[in-house]
Amino acid sequence: MTGDRNDPRVRALRVAVGRLRRQLAVLPGELPDRAAADDELAALDAMVSHGAPEVIRLRRSLLLIAGAVGSVSARSPALSEVRERIDGFSGLPGG
């Protein structure tokens, strides 16, 4: 585990996760894996809100979220932002 609440990478990831969560909340129509995406985004938010994200767990969450919403092209920029923020942790031990 690494980081803290004041780490700019943690703050940026929380912002990106929040943005994707809001976009999914207003998505019209039924997304079969919406619950899985919502659950994993909540887990990501919880991880980073404690300021000590585990890089391997962040990447696992990203894969689950991408699998759930990857086919929704309108969400692609927000999902890409989450991926970029997670990539910001890749130089850390365990990454």
Protein backbone atom coordinates (compact mmCIF):
# COMPACT_ATOMS: atom_id res chain seq x y z
CA MET A 1 0.00 0.00 0.00
CA THR A 2 1.12 3.53 -0.65
CA GLY A 3 0.04 7.13 -0.87
CA ASP A 4 -2.14 9.33 1.29
CA ARG A 5 -5.15 11.58 0.98
CA ASN A 6 -2.93 14.53 0.05
CA ASP A 7 -1.30 12.66 -2.82
CA PRO A 8 -2.40 14.43 -6.04
CA ARG A 9 -2.72 11.04 -7.76
CA VAL A 10 -5.22 9.92 -5.13
CA ARG A 11 -7.26 13.12 -5.52
CA ALA A 12 -7.18 12.86 -9.33
CA LEU A 13 -8.32 9.23 -9.25
CA ARG A 14 -11.18 10.07 -6.87
CA VAL A 15 -12.32 12.83 -9.25
CA ALA A 16 -12.16 10.49 -12.25
CA VAL A 17 -14.05 7.73 -10.40
CA GLY A 18 -16.71 10.24 -9.34
CA ARG A 19 -17.11 11.48 -12.91
CA LEU A 20 -17.58 7.97 -14.28
CA ARG A 21 -20.04 7.11 -11.50
CA ARG A 22 -22.13 10.19 -12.31
CA GLN A 23 -22.11 9.40 -16.02
CA LEU A 24 -23.24 5.84 -15.41
CA ALA A 25 -26.01 7.07 -13.12
CA VAL A 26 -27.59 9.12 -15.89
CA LEU A 27 -27.05 6.59 -18.66
CA PRO A 28 -30.37 5.93 -20.38
CA GLY A 29 -31.37 2.36 -20.98
CA GLU A 30 -30.32 -0.78 -19.23
CA LEU A 31 -26.70 -1.74 -18.92
CA PRO A 32 -26.54 -5.44 -18.04
CA ASP A 33 -23.45 -5.09 -15.86
CA ARG A 34 -24.26 -1.69 -14.36
CA ALA A 35 -24.45 -3.11 -10.83
CA ALA A 36 -21.00 -4.69 -11.22
CA ALA A 37 -19.57 -1.41 -12.50
CA ASP A 38 -21.23 0.56 -9.69
CA ASP A 39 -19.94 -1.87 -7.07
CA GLU A 40 -16.40 -1.76 -8.40
CA LEU A 41 -16.40 2.03 -8.69
CA ALA A 42 -17.57 2.21 -5.07
CA ALA A 43 -14.75 -0.15 -4.11
CA LEU A 44 -12.23 2.02 -5.99
CA ASP A 45 -13.52 5.13 -4.26
CA ALA A 46 -13.25 3.43 -0.87
CA MET A 47 -9.70 2.30 -1.62
CA VAL A 48 -8.49 5.74 -2.56
CA SER A 49 -10.49 7.54 0.13
CA HIS A 50 -8.29 5.76 2.65
CA GLY A 51 -5.28 7.09 0.78
CA ALA A 52 -3.53 3.75 0.45
CA PRO A 53 -4.45 2.15 -2.87
CA GLU A 54 -2.90 -1.16 -3.85
CA VAL A 55 -1.79 -0.93 -7.46
CA ILE A 56 -2.67 -4.54 -8.28
CA ARG A 57 -6.16 -4.06 -6.84
CA LEU A 58 -6.57 -0.79 -8.77
CA ARG A 59 -5.76 -2.58 -12.02
CA ARG A 60 -8.13 -5.44 -11.21
CA SER A 61 -10.90 -2.94 -10.57
CA LEU A 62 -10.17 -1.21 -13.86
CA LEU A 63 -10.50 -4.50 -15.73
CA LEU A 64 -13.84 -5.25 -14.09
CA ILE A 65 -15.17 -1.77 -14.80
CA ALA A 66 -13.96 -1.81 -18.41
CA GLY A 67 -15.62 -5.19 -18.90
CA ALA A 68 -18.88 -3.83 -17.54
CA VAL A 69 -19.00 -0.53 -19.45
CA GLY A 70 -16.46 -0.96 -22.23
CA SER A 71 -19.08 -1.27 -24.93
CA VAL A 72 -20.73 2.01 -23.95
CA SER A 73 -18.80 4.38 -26.20
CA ALA A 74 -20.27 7.50 -24.58
CA ARG A 75 -18.48 6.56 -21.35
CA SER A 76 -15.14 5.98 -23.05
CA PRO A 77 -13.54 9.35 -22.14
CA ALA A 78 -14.44 8.97 -18.46
CA LEU A 79 -13.23 5.36 -18.41
CA SER A 80 -10.00 6.43 -20.13
CA GLU A 81 -9.50 9.06 -17.45
CA VAL A 82 -9.86 6.44 -14.70
CA ARG A 83 -7.31 4.25 -16.52
CA GLU A 84 -4.87 7.14 -16.85
CA ARG A 85 -5.18 7.96 -13.15
CA ILE A 86 -4.56 4.34 -12.19
CA ASP A 87 -1.55 4.28 -14.53
CA GLY A 88 -0.17 7.16 -12.43
CA PHE A 89 0.44 4.65 -9.66
CA SER A 90 2.36 2.18 -11.85
CA GLY A 91 5.82 3.29 -10.73
CA LEU A 92 5.09 2.31 -7.16
CA PRO A 93 6.12 -0.94 -5.47
CA GLY A 94 3.61 -3.65 -6.32
CA GLY A 95 2.74 -1.89 -9.57
